[in-house]
Amino acid sequence: MSTSELGLPMAVPAEDLPARVRIYEVGARDGLQNEKATVPTEVKAEFIRRLAGAGLTTIEATSFVHPRWVPQLADAEQLFPQVSGLPVALPVLVPNERGLDRALALGARHVAVFASATESFAKANLNRTLDEALAMFEPVVRRAKDAQLTVRAYVSMCFGDPWEGPVPVHQVVRVCKALMDMGADELSLGDTIGVATPGHVQSLLAELNAAGVPTSAIGVHFHDTYGQALSNTLAALQHGVSTVDASAGGLGGCPYAKSATGNLATEDLVWMLQGLGVDTGVDLGRLTATSVWMAGQLGRPSPSRTVKALGNTTQSHQE
């Protein structure tokens, strides 16, 4: 008998948590861009369709970066039309105005820019100083808003940097405030190398609030390098955050930070939220089956603990 048939996980609501959490699924972009081998466009499209079928309503589809930098996502123009008719939000990453032009040409309605909280990572990822990177994003955000697109701003290295070590909270707040002042609708606070702990998470959120950034505009993006992704997520939920980034099957990391390991697995997040009585709208069985299927396409098992635990009970969903 499966865990769902047994009524597991048992829902025991905790106080002061959001009634519903919006999962911002990043597996098809942040996950697959880190694969050594290029995943066929048709497989990516099927992955996104299965994720939508599992109940995920925000699925980051691809990235309009130059193919030289991220060859795994060089098929953005071919992929996006295959999934654009799905009844879900399909954000795409746009690193600059050229990327925005490509996204607009295909009818994208949700875009994201990718900033850094540190000079070292801005140099490694964007080949610019931190302030030069922010200046590059300003016309991108302005033009996107003029076109009535929603704009998300990722901020990487919010909790630690592999070159600089600890990142002062006020430094992160400065970058976040600059992006919000440009017109970004939402921030995603990235723990790129997975070094955050719950107290640090709550401190940063409190300082952002003090600087005028509302909790409703904040999402969190944790990596599980030190096994802290779920505890950090819970700390953010206790603060009132209701948007959490996650990657189906735990796919992904960061190609420009070698110490970064996988993203928080969507299945692990859903299991915890179900146990807390928090609504996600996600069918965990179908999601697990999707990740089992994708792991088969990639030729290796999923690192997600929940996928490993439930995988044998959801094989029927794979066909």
C-alpha atoms as a PDB file:
ATOM      1  CA  MET A   1       0.000   0.000   0.000  1.00  0.00           C
ATOM      2  CA  SER A   2       1.359   3.454  -0.926  1.00  0.00           C
ATOM      3  CA  THR A   3       1.968   6.244   1.592  1.00  0.00           C
ATOM      4  CA  SER A   4      -0.845   8.293   0.056  1.00  0.00           C
ATOM      5  CA  GLU A   5      -3.248   5.395   0.471  1.00  0.00           C
ATOM      6  CA  LEU A   6      -2.127   5.191   4.096  1.00  0.00           C
ATOM      7  CA  GLY A   7      -2.822   8.920   4.535  1.00  0.00           C
ATOM      8  CA  LEU A   8       0.836   9.870   4.862  1.00  0.00           C
ATOM      9  CA  PRO A   9       2.291  12.293   5.552  1.00  0.00           C
ATOM     10  CA  MET A  10      -0.126  13.014   8.368  1.00  0.00           C
ATOM     11  CA  ALA A  11      -1.092  16.688   8.207  1.00  0.00           C
ATOM     12  CA  VAL A  12      -0.357  18.506  11.459  1.00  0.00           C
ATOM     13  CA  PRO A  13      -0.624  22.252  10.786  1.00  0.00           C
ATOM     14  CA  ALA A  14       1.809  24.611  12.474  1.00  0.00           C
ATOM     15  CA  GLU A  15       0.918  28.128  13.541  1.00  0.00           C
ATOM     16  CA  ASP A  16       1.749  31.258  11.564  1.00  0.00           C
ATOM     17  CA  LEU A  17       2.429  29.620   8.209  1.00  0.00           C
ATOM     18  CA  PRO A  18       0.971  30.665   4.838  1.00  0.00           C
ATOM     19  CA  ALA A  19      -2.182  28.762   3.931  1.00  0.00           C
ATOM     20  CA  ARG A  20      -0.832  28.230   0.427  1.00  0.00           C
ATOM     21  CA  VAL A  21       2.660  28.197  -1.057  1.00  0.00           C
ATOM     22  CA  ARG A  22       3.392  28.941  -4.687  1.00  0.00           C
ATOM     23  CA  ILE A  23       6.138  26.636  -5.899  1.00  0.00           C
ATOM     24  CA  TYR A  24       8.318  28.254  -8.534  1.00  0.00           C
ATOM     25  CA  GLU A  25       9.547  25.198 -10.430  1.00  0.00           C
ATOM     26  CA  VAL A  26      13.058  25.666 -11.848  1.00  0.00           C
ATOM     27  CA  GLY A  27      13.998  22.138 -12.914  1.00  0.00           C
ATOM     28  CA  ALA A  28      13.507  22.660 -16.650  1.00  0.00           C
ATOM     29  CA  ARG A  29      15.846  25.676 -16.699  1.00  0.00           C
ATOM     30  CA  ASP A  30      18.112  25.810 -13.647  1.00  0.00           C
ATOM     31  CA  GLY A  31      18.218  22.034 -13.457  1.00  0.00           C
ATOM     32  CA  LEU A  32      18.816  21.091 -17.066  1.00  0.00           C
ATOM     33  CA  GLN A  33      21.299  23.896 -17.773  1.00  0.00           C
ATOM     34  CA  ASN A  34      23.740  22.081 -15.518  1.00  0.00           C
ATOM     35  CA  GLU A  35      23.629  18.784 -17.373  1.00  0.00           C
ATOM     36  CA  LYS A  36      26.865  17.797 -19.094  1.00  0.00           C
ATOM     37  CA  ALA A  37      24.927  16.335 -21.998  1.00  0.00           C
ATOM     38  CA  THR A  38      22.351  18.330 -23.919  1.00  0.00           C
ATOM     39  CA  VAL A  39      18.813  17.102 -23.292  1.00  0.00           C
ATOM     40  CA  PRO A  40      16.738  16.857 -26.507  1.00  0.00           C
ATOM     41  CA  THR A  41      14.192  19.610 -27.009  1.00  0.00           C
ATOM     42  CA  GLU A  42      11.332  17.112 -27.162  1.00  0.00           C
ATOM     43  CA  VAL A  43      12.327  15.662 -23.785  1.00  0.00           C
ATOM     44  CA  LYS A  44      12.438  19.135 -22.230  1.00  0.00           C
ATOM     45  CA  ALA A  45       8.994  19.923 -23.624  1.00  0.00           C
ATOM     46  CA  GLU A  46       7.572  16.662 -22.293  1.00  0.00           C
ATOM     47  CA  PHE A  47       9.176  17.343 -18.908  1.00  0.00           C
ATOM     48  CA  ILE A  48       7.425  20.721 -18.729  1.00  0.00           C
ATOM     49  CA  ARG A  49       4.110  19.208 -19.829  1.00  0.00           C
ATOM     50  CA  ARG A  50       4.354  16.531 -17.129  1.00  0.00           C
ATOM     51  CA  LEU A  51       5.239  19.120 -14.488  1.00  0.00           C
ATOM     52  CA  ALA A  52       2.149  21.117 -15.475  1.00  0.00           C
ATOM     53  CA  GLY A  53       0.101  17.930 -15.344  1.00  0.00           C
ATOM     54  CA  ALA A  54       1.293  17.395 -11.770  1.00  0.00           C
ATOM     55  CA  GLY A  55      -0.257  20.719 -10.753  1.00  0.00           C
ATOM     56  CA  LEU A  56       2.698  23.097 -10.848  1.00  0.00           C
ATOM     57  CA  THR A  57       1.477  26.499 -12.020  1.00  0.00           C
ATOM     58  CA  THR A  58       4.791  28.354 -12.422  1.00  0.00           C
ATOM     59  CA  ILE A  59       7.422  26.486 -14.439  1.00  0.00           C
ATOM     60  CA  GLU A  60      10.564  28.292 -15.562  1.00  0.00           C
ATOM     61  CA  ALA A  61      10.914  27.075 -19.136  1.00  0.00           C
ATOM     62  CA  THR A  62      14.288  28.147 -20.491  1.00  0.00           C
ATOM     63  CA  SER A  63      16.875  30.911 -20.746  1.00  0.00           C
ATOM     64  CA  PHE A  64      17.567  33.327 -23.583  1.00  0.00           C
ATOM     65  CA  VAL A  65      21.272  33.561 -22.910  1.00  0.00           C
ATOM     66  CA  HIS A  66      23.878  33.308 -25.650  1.00  0.00           C
ATOM     67  CA  PRO A  67      24.313  29.628 -26.592  1.00  0.00           C
ATOM     68  CA  ARG A  68      28.057  29.949 -26.090  1.00  0.00           C
ATOM     69  CA  TRP A  69      27.556  30.455 -22.354  1.00  0.00           C
ATOM     70  CA  VAL A  70      24.811  27.893 -21.757  1.00  0.00           C
ATOM     71  CA  PRO A  71      24.800  25.460 -24.692  1.00  0.00           C
ATOM     72  CA  GLN A  72      22.327  23.187 -22.892  1.00  0.00           C
ATOM     73  CA  LEU A  73      19.624  25.837 -23.432  1.00  0.00           C
ATOM     74  CA  ALA A  74      20.550  26.826 -26.987  1.00  0.00           C
ATOM     75  CA  ASP A  75      17.172  25.525 -28.180  1.00  0.00           C
ATOM     76  CA  ALA A  76      15.085  28.194 -26.409  1.00  0.00           C
ATOM     77  CA  GLU A  77      13.477  29.359 -29.682  1.00  0.00           C
ATOM     78  CA  GLN A  78      12.526  25.779 -30.543  1.00  0.00           C
ATOM     79  CA  LEU A  79      11.344  24.800 -27.063  1.00  0.00           C
ATOM     80  CA  PHE A  80       9.199  27.735 -26.001  1.00  0.00           C
ATOM     81  CA  PRO A  81       6.588  27.437 -28.805  1.00  0.00           C
ATOM     82  CA  GLN A  82       6.109  23.757 -27.924  1.00  0.00           C
ATOM     83  CA  VAL A  83       4.943  24.595 -24.392  1.00  0.00           C
ATOM     84  CA  SER A  84       3.633  28.165 -24.619  1.00  0.00           C
ATOM     85  CA  GLY A  85       0.037  26.973 -24.911  1.00  0.00           C
ATOM     86  CA  LEU A  86       0.047  25.330 -21.486  1.00  0.00           C
ATOM     87  CA  PRO A  87      -2.288  26.956 -18.916  1.00  0.00           C
ATOM     88  CA  VAL A  88       0.598  27.835 -16.587  1.00  0.00           C
ATOM     89  CA  ALA A  89       3.063  30.693 -16.133  1.00  0.00           C
ATOM     90  CA  LEU A  90       6.267  29.990 -18.076  1.00  0.00           C
ATOM     91  CA  PRO A  91       8.954  32.456 -16.981  1.00  0.00           C
ATOM     92  CA  VAL A  92      12.175  32.696 -18.991  1.00  0.00           C
ATOM     93  CA  LEU A  93      15.574  34.057 -18.021  1.00  0.00           C
ATOM     94  CA  VAL A  94      16.754  37.123 -19.968  1.00  0.00           C
ATOM     95  CA  PRO A  95      20.317  38.255 -19.166  1.00  0.00           C
ATOM     96  CA  ASN A  96      20.238  41.436 -21.278  1.00  0.00           C
ATOM     97  CA  GLU A  97      18.222  43.397 -23.831  1.00  0.00           C
ATOM     98  CA  ARG A  98      19.041  40.954 -26.620  1.00  0.00           C
ATOM     99  CA  GLY A  99      17.645  38.129 -24.498  1.00  0.00           C
ATOM    100  CA  LEU A 100      14.536  40.194 -23.827  1.00  0.00           C
ATOM    101  CA  ASP A 101      14.078  40.803 -27.557  1.00  0.00           C
ATOM    102  CA  ARG A 102      14.158  37.052 -28.179  1.00  0.00           C
ATOM    103  CA  ALA A 103      11.664  36.390 -25.389  1.00  0.00           C
ATOM    104  CA  LEU A 104       9.292  39.115 -26.580  1.00  0.00           C
ATOM    105  CA  ALA A 105       9.412  37.773 -30.133  1.00  0.00           C
ATOM    106  CA  LEU A 106       8.052  34.451 -28.869  1.00  0.00           C
ATOM    107  CA  GLY A 107       5.329  36.002 -26.738  1.00  0.00           C
ATOM    108  CA  ALA A 108       6.805  35.370 -23.292  1.00  0.00           C
ATOM    109  CA  ARG A 109       4.833  37.111 -20.530  1.00  0.00           C
ATOM    110  CA  HIS A 110       7.088  36.462 -17.548  1.00  0.00           C
ATOM    111  CA  VAL A 111      10.824  37.143 -17.491  1.00  0.00           C
ATOM    112  CA  ALA A 112      13.632  37.024 -14.961  1.00  0.00           C
ATOM    113  CA  VAL A 113      17.014  38.732 -14.643  1.00  0.00           C
ATOM    114  CA  PHE A 114      19.909  37.206 -12.729  1.00  0.00           C
ATOM    115  CA  ALA A 115      21.845  39.536 -10.428  1.00  0.00           C
ATOM    116  CA  SER A 116      24.499  38.964  -7.793  1.00  0.00           C
ATOM    117  CA  ALA A 117      24.948  40.181  -4.241  1.00  0.00           C
ATOM    118  CA  THR A 118      28.758  40.036  -4.553  1.00  0.00           C
ATOM    119  CA  GLU A 119      31.419  41.522  -6.805  1.00  0.00           C
ATOM    120  CA  SER A 120      33.174  38.181  -7.289  1.00  0.00           C
ATOM    121  CA  PHE A 121      30.128  36.373  -8.592  1.00  0.00           C
ATOM    122  CA  ALA A 122      29.073  39.302 -10.773  1.00  0.00           C
ATOM    123  CA  LYS A 123      32.507  39.065 -12.380  1.00  0.00           C
ATOM    124  CA  ALA A 124      32.381  35.266 -12.753  1.00  0.00           C
ATOM    125  CA  ASN A 125      28.796  35.085 -13.996  1.00  0.00           C
ATOM    126  CA  LEU A 126      28.354  38.339 -15.906  1.00  0.00           C
ATOM    127  CA  ASN A 127      31.918  39.593 -16.460  1.00  0.00           C
ATOM    128  CA  ARG A 128      30.898  42.901 -14.905  1.00  0.00           C
ATOM    129  CA  THR A 129      31.176  44.690 -11.593  1.00  0.00           C
ATOM    130  CA  LEU A 130      28.114  44.543  -9.394  1.00  0.00           C
ATOM    131  CA  ASP A 131      27.083  48.097 -10.279  1.00  0.00           C
ATOM    132  CA  GLU A 132      27.739  47.533 -13.987  1.00  0.00           C
ATOM    133  CA  ALA A 133      25.466  44.498 -13.853  1.00  0.00           C
ATOM    134  CA  LEU A 134      22.706  46.486 -12.184  1.00  0.00           C
ATOM    135  CA  ALA A 135      23.062  49.184 -14.844  1.00  0.00           C
ATOM    136  CA  MET A 136      22.724  46.499 -17.536  1.00  0.00           C
ATOM    137  CA  PHE A 137      19.481  45.244 -16.010  1.00  0.00           C
ATOM    138  CA  GLU A 138      17.831  48.663 -15.748  1.00  0.00           C
ATOM    139  CA  PRO A 139      16.727  48.973 -19.411  1.00  0.00           C
ATOM    140  CA  VAL A 140      15.762  45.286 -19.466  1.00  0.00           C
ATOM    141  CA  VAL A 141      13.411  45.721 -16.521  1.00  0.00           C
ATOM    142  CA  ARG A 142      12.048  49.013 -17.832  1.00  0.00           C
ATOM    143  CA  ARG A 143      11.291  47.632 -21.295  1.00  0.00           C
ATOM    144  CA  ALA A 144       9.751  44.469 -19.842  1.00  0.00           C
ATOM    145  CA  LYS A 145       7.465  46.504 -17.610  1.00  0.00           C
ATOM    146  CA  ASP A 146       6.558  48.785 -20.536  1.00  0.00           C
ATOM    147  CA  ALA A 147       5.493  45.614 -22.377  1.00  0.00           C
ATOM    148  CA  GLN A 148       3.395  44.654 -19.326  1.00  0.00           C
ATOM    149  CA  LEU A 149       5.507  41.626 -18.478  1.00  0.00           C
ATOM    150  CA  THR A 150       6.064  40.458 -14.915  1.00  0.00           C
ATOM    151  CA  VAL A 151       9.702  40.659 -13.872  1.00  0.00           C
ATOM    152  CA  ARG A 152      11.495  38.504 -11.333  1.00  0.00           C
ATOM    153  CA  ALA A 153      15.000  39.371 -10.127  1.00  0.00           C
ATOM    154  CA  TYR A 154      17.207  36.534  -8.947  1.00  0.00           C
ATOM    155  CA  VAL A 155      19.869  37.589  -6.480  1.00  0.00           C
ATOM    156  CA  SER A 156      22.611  35.004  -6.103  1.00  0.00           C
ATOM    157  CA  MET A 157      25.106  34.590  -3.237  1.00  0.00           C
ATOM    158  CA  CYS A 158      22.750  36.126  -0.673  1.00  0.00           C
ATOM    159  CA  PHE A 159      24.147  34.053   2.199  1.00  0.00           C
ATOM    160  CA  GLY A 160      27.725  33.255   1.269  1.00  0.00           C
ATOM    161  CA  ASP A 161      30.187  33.424  -1.605  1.00  0.00           C
ATOM    162  CA  PRO A 162      32.890  30.849  -2.498  1.00  0.00           C
ATOM    163  CA  TRP A 163      35.447  33.617  -3.088  1.00  0.00           C
ATOM    164  CA  GLU A 164      34.413  36.233  -0.519  1.00  0.00           C
ATOM    165  CA  GLY A 165      33.007  34.110   2.305  1.00  0.00           C
ATOM    166  CA  PRO A 166      30.235  35.684   4.404  1.00  0.00           C
ATOM    167  CA  VAL A 167      28.121  38.280   2.594  1.00  0.00           C
ATOM    168  CA  PRO A 168      27.029  41.217   4.782  1.00  0.00           C
ATOM    169  CA  VAL A 169      23.267  41.479   5.051  1.00  0.00           C
ATOM    170  CA  HIS A 170      23.322  45.202   4.221  1.00  0.00           C
ATOM    171  CA  GLN A 171      25.111  44.423   0.950  1.00  0.00           C
ATOM    172  CA  VAL A 172      22.369  41.997  -0.082  1.00  0.00           C
ATOM    173  CA  VAL A 173      19.691  44.497   0.906  1.00  0.00           C
ATOM    174  CA  ARG A 174      21.327  47.203  -1.243  1.00  0.00           C
ATOM    175  CA  VAL A 175      21.208  45.020  -4.358  1.00  0.00           C
ATOM    176  CA  CYS A 176      17.658  43.847  -3.660  1.00  0.00           C
ATOM    177  CA  LYS A 177      16.437  47.399  -3.091  1.00  0.00           C
ATOM    178  CA  ALA A 178      18.058  48.567  -6.327  1.00  0.00           C
ATOM    179  CA  LEU A 179      16.281  45.852  -8.299  1.00  0.00           C
ATOM    180  CA  MET A 180      12.925  46.606  -6.694  1.00  0.00           C
ATOM    181  CA  ASP A 181      13.421  50.317  -7.363  1.00  0.00           C
ATOM    182  CA  MET A 182      13.974  49.475 -11.048  1.00  0.00           C
ATOM    183  CA  GLY A 183      10.517  47.934 -11.121  1.00  0.00           C
ATOM    184  CA  ALA A 184      11.036  44.228 -10.443  1.00  0.00           C
ATOM    185  CA  ASP A 185       7.843  42.585  -9.222  1.00  0.00           C
ATOM    186  CA  GLU A 186       9.538  39.830  -7.247  1.00  0.00           C
ATOM    187  CA  LEU A 187      12.897  38.896  -5.764  1.00  0.00           C
ATOM    188  CA  SER A 188      14.334  35.412  -5.439  1.00  0.00           C
ATOM    189  CA  LEU A 189      16.940  35.228  -2.677  1.00  0.00           C
ATOM    190  CA  GLY A 190      19.513  32.656  -3.736  1.00  0.00           C
ATOM    191  CA  ASP A 191      21.609  30.552  -1.369  1.00  0.00           C
ATOM    192  CA  THR A 192      23.809  29.602  -4.286  1.00  0.00           C
ATOM    193  CA  ILE A 193      26.350  27.497  -2.403  1.00  0.00           C
ATOM    194  CA  GLY A 194      23.940  26.256   0.244  1.00  0.00           C
ATOM    195  CA  VAL A 195      25.534  27.793   3.337  1.00  0.00           C
ATOM    196  CA  ALA A 196      22.489  29.547   4.835  1.00  0.00           C
ATOM    197  CA  THR A 197      21.083  28.678   8.234  1.00  0.00           C
ATOM    198  CA  PRO A 198      17.622  29.581   9.587  1.00  0.00           C
ATOM    199  CA  GLY A 199      18.678  32.517  11.743  1.00  0.00           C
ATOM    200  CA  HIS A 200      20.540  34.066   8.831  1.00  0.00           C
ATOM    201  CA  VAL A 201      17.464  33.649   6.642  1.00  0.00           C
ATOM    202  CA  GLN A 202      15.191  35.388   9.113  1.00  0.00           C
ATOM    203  CA  SER A 203      17.717  38.186   9.684  1.00  0.00           C
ATOM    204  CA  LEU A 204      17.941  38.958   5.969  1.00  0.00           C
ATOM    205  CA  LEU A 205      14.162  38.899   5.580  1.00  0.00           C
ATOM    206  CA  ALA A 206      13.732  41.270   8.509  1.00  0.00           C
ATOM    207  CA  GLU A 207      16.317  43.694   7.092  1.00  0.00           C
ATOM    208  CA  LEU A 208      14.631  43.628   3.683  1.00  0.00           C
ATOM    209  CA  ASN A 209      11.320  44.490   5.332  1.00  0.00           C
ATOM    210  CA  ALA A 210      13.000  47.321   7.222  1.00  0.00           C
ATOM    211  CA  ALA A 211      14.299  48.661   3.904  1.00  0.00           C
ATOM    212  CA  GLY A 212      10.784  48.718   2.475  1.00  0.00           C
ATOM    213  CA  VAL A 213      10.760  45.415   0.575  1.00  0.00           C
ATOM    214  CA  PRO A 214       7.484  43.629   1.397  1.00  0.00           C
ATOM    215  CA  THR A 215       7.507  39.930   2.229  1.00  0.00           C
ATOM    216  CA  SER A 216       4.897  39.393  -0.479  1.00  0.00           C
ATOM    217  CA  ALA A 217       7.531  40.319  -3.095  1.00  0.00           C
ATOM    218  CA  ILE A 218      10.114  37.814  -1.830  1.00  0.00           C
ATOM    219  CA  GLY A 219      10.769  34.259  -2.906  1.00  0.00           C
ATOM    220  CA  VAL A 220      13.525  31.981  -1.619  1.00  0.00           C
ATOM    221  CA  HIS A 221      15.860  29.666  -3.529  1.00  0.00           C
ATOM    222  CA  PHE A 222      17.864  27.259  -1.386  1.00  0.00           C
ATOM    223  CA  HIS A 223      20.493  24.687  -2.276  1.00  0.00           C
ATOM    224  CA  ASP A 224      20.980  21.625  -0.111  1.00  0.00           C
ATOM    225  CA  THR A 225      24.787  21.528   0.083  1.00  0.00           C
ATOM    226  CA  TYR A 226      24.784  21.167   3.879  1.00  0.00           C
ATOM    227  CA  GLY A 227      21.332  19.613   4.220  1.00  0.00           C
ATOM    228  CA  GLN A 228      19.743  22.904   5.298  1.00  0.00           C
ATOM    229  CA  ALA A 229      17.377  23.659   2.421  1.00  0.00           C
ATOM    230  CA  LEU A 230      14.177  22.508   4.113  1.00  0.00           C
ATOM    231  CA  SER A 231      14.996  24.070   7.480  1.00  0.00           C
ATOM    232  CA  ASN A 232      15.825  27.351   5.755  1.00  0.00           C
ATOM    233  CA  THR A 233      12.588  27.150   3.799  1.00  0.00           C
ATOM    234  CA  LEU A 234      10.615  26.629   6.989  1.00  0.00           C
ATOM    235  CA  ALA A 235      12.316  29.675   8.526  1.00  0.00           C
ATOM    236  CA  ALA A 236      11.241  31.737   5.512  1.00  0.00           C
ATOM    237  CA  LEU A 237       7.678  30.404   5.711  1.00  0.00           C
ATOM    238  CA  GLN A 238       7.529  31.347   9.388  1.00  0.00           C
ATOM    239  CA  HIS A 239       8.431  34.885   8.339  1.00  0.00           C
ATOM    240  CA  GLY A 240       5.521  34.889   5.888  1.00  0.00           C
ATOM    241  CA  VAL A 241       7.250  34.070   2.603  1.00  0.00           C
ATOM    242  CA  SER A 242       4.882  32.135   0.338  1.00  0.00           C
ATOM    243  CA  THR A 243       6.944  31.662  -2.849  1.00  0.00           C
ATOM    244  CA  VAL A 244       9.565  28.915  -2.800  1.00  0.00           C
ATOM    245  CA  ASP A 245      11.819  27.878  -5.674  1.00  0.00           C
ATOM    246  CA  ALA A 246      12.388  24.161  -6.114  1.00  0.00           C
ATOM    247  CA  SER A 247      13.571  21.752  -8.768  1.00  0.00           C
ATOM    248  CA  ALA A 248      11.806  18.515  -9.644  1.00  0.00           C
ATOM    249  CA  GLY A 249      13.978  15.609  -8.602  1.00  0.00           C
ATOM    250  CA  GLY A 250      16.570  17.970  -7.099  1.00  0.00           C
ATOM    251  CA  LEU A 251      18.109  18.750 -10.489  1.00  0.00           C
ATOM    252  CA  GLY A 252      20.586  21.568 -10.800  1.00  0.00           C
ATOM    253  CA  GLY A 253      23.291  23.573  -9.114  1.00  0.00           C
ATOM    254  CA  CYS A 254      25.255  26.479 -10.552  1.00  0.00           C
ATOM    255  CA  PRO A 255      27.812  26.233 -13.367  1.00  0.00           C
ATOM    256  CA  TYR A 256      29.750  29.290 -12.175  1.00  0.00           C
ATOM    257  CA  ALA A 257      30.097  28.229  -8.522  1.00  0.00           C
ATOM    258  CA  LYS A 258      31.752  24.841  -8.326  1.00  0.00           C
ATOM    259  CA  SER A 259      30.799  24.256  -4.686  1.00  0.00           C
ATOM    260  CA  ALA A 260      27.083  24.576  -5.457  1.00  0.00           C
ATOM    261  CA  THR A 261      25.145  21.323  -5.288  1.00  0.00           C
ATOM    262  CA  GLY A 262      21.578  20.522  -6.169  1.00  0.00           C
ATOM    263  CA  ASN A 263      18.531  22.648  -5.671  1.00  0.00           C
ATOM    264  CA  LEU A 264      15.894  21.869  -3.098  1.00  0.00           C
ATOM    265  CA  ALA A 265      13.901  18.976  -4.564  1.00  0.00           C
ATOM    266  CA  THR A 266      10.294  19.885  -5.297  1.00  0.00           C
ATOM    267  CA  GLU A 267       9.095  16.522  -3.989  1.00  0.00           C
ATOM    268  CA  ASP A 268      10.871  17.025  -0.651  1.00  0.00           C
ATOM    269  CA  LEU A 269       9.294  20.463  -0.356  1.00  0.00           C
ATOM    270  CA  VAL A 270       5.798  19.176  -1.193  1.00  0.00           C
ATOM    271  CA  TRP A 271       6.112  16.345   1.340  1.00  0.00           C
ATOM    272  CA  MET A 272       6.998  18.812   4.094  1.00  0.00           C
ATOM    273  CA  LEU A 273       4.242  21.240   3.118  1.00  0.00           C
ATOM    274  CA  GLN A 274       1.636  18.491   2.978  1.00  0.00           C
ATOM    275  CA  GLY A 275       2.648  17.471   6.473  1.00  0.00           C
ATOM    276  CA  LEU A 276       2.244  21.066   7.613  1.00  0.00           C
ATOM    277  CA  GLY A 277      -1.209  21.315   6.058  1.00  0.00           C
ATOM    278  CA  VAL A 278      -0.021  23.945   3.562  1.00  0.00           C
ATOM    279  CA  ASP A 279      -1.709  23.824   0.163  1.00  0.00           C
ATOM    280  CA  THR A 280       0.445  23.657  -3.000  1.00  0.00           C
ATOM    281  CA  GLY A 281      -1.985  22.291  -5.572  1.00  0.00           C
ATOM    282  CA  VAL A 282       0.618  19.670  -6.519  1.00  0.00           C
ATOM    283  CA  ASP A 283      -0.109  15.965  -6.933  1.00  0.00           C
ATOM    284  CA  LEU A 284       2.914  14.401  -5.258  1.00  0.00           C
ATOM    285  CA  GLY A 285       2.444  11.035  -6.959  1.00  0.00           C
ATOM    286  CA  ARG A 286       2.385  12.527 -10.443  1.00  0.00           C
ATOM    287  CA  LEU A 287       5.307  14.807  -9.627  1.00  0.00           C
ATOM    288  CA  THR A 288       7.380  11.904  -8.314  1.00  0.00           C
ATOM    289  CA  ALA A 289       6.564   9.890 -11.409  1.00  0.00           C
ATOM    290  CA  THR A 290       7.705  12.793 -13.559  1.00  0.00           C
ATOM    291  CA  SER A 291      11.044  12.945 -11.773  1.00  0.00           C
ATOM    292  CA  VAL A 292      11.484   9.179 -12.032  1.00  0.00           C
ATOM    293  CA  TRP A 293      10.826   9.491 -15.757  1.00  0.00           C
ATOM    294  CA  MET A 294      13.288  12.379 -16.110  1.00  0.00           C
ATOM    295  CA  ALA A 295      15.936  10.501 -14.158  1.00  0.00           C
ATOM    296  CA  GLY A 296      15.526   7.710 -16.690  1.00  0.00           C
ATOM    297  CA  GLN A 297      16.069  10.177 -19.527  1.00  0.00           C
ATOM    298  CA  LEU A 298      19.246  11.409 -17.834  1.00  0.00           C
ATOM    299  CA  GLY A 299      20.468   7.916 -17.029  1.00  0.00           C
ATOM    300  CA  ARG A 300      20.894   8.349 -13.292  1.00  0.00           C
ATOM    301  CA  PRO A 301      18.766   8.230 -10.136  1.00  0.00           C
ATOM    302  CA  SER A 302      17.238  11.341  -8.625  1.00  0.00           C
ATOM    303  CA  PRO A 303      18.972  12.710  -5.509  1.00  0.00           C
ATOM    304  CA  SER A 304      15.594  13.599  -3.973  1.00  0.00           C
ATOM    305  CA  ARG A 305      14.920  11.640  -0.795  1.00  0.00           C
ATOM    306  CA  THR A 306      11.186  11.673  -1.454  1.00  0.00           C
ATOM    307  CA  VAL A 307      11.605  10.476  -5.030  1.00  0.00           C
ATOM    308  CA  LYS A 308      13.735   7.595  -3.744  1.00  0.00           C
ATOM    309  CA  ALA A 309      11.162   6.740  -1.087  1.00  0.00           C
ATOM    310  CA  LEU A 310       8.105   7.004  -3.323  1.00  0.00           C
ATOM    311  CA  GLY A 311       9.549   6.075  -6.700  1.00  0.00           C
ATOM    312  CA  ASN A 312       8.678   2.409  -6.506  1.00  0.00           C
ATOM    313  CA  THR A 313       5.045   3.192  -5.746  1.00  0.00           C
ATOM    314  CA  THR A 314       4.470   5.573  -8.645  1.00  0.00           C
ATOM    315  CA  GLN A 315       5.722   3.614 -11.632  1.00  0.00           C
ATOM    316  CA  SER A 316       2.226   3.444 -13.092  1.00  0.00           C
ATOM    317  CA  HIS A 317       2.279   7.193 -13.708  1.00  0.00           C
ATOM    318  CA  GLN A 318       5.309   6.999 -15.949  1.00  0.00           C
ATOM    319  CA  GLU A 319       3.608   5.584 -19.021  1.00  0.00           C
END
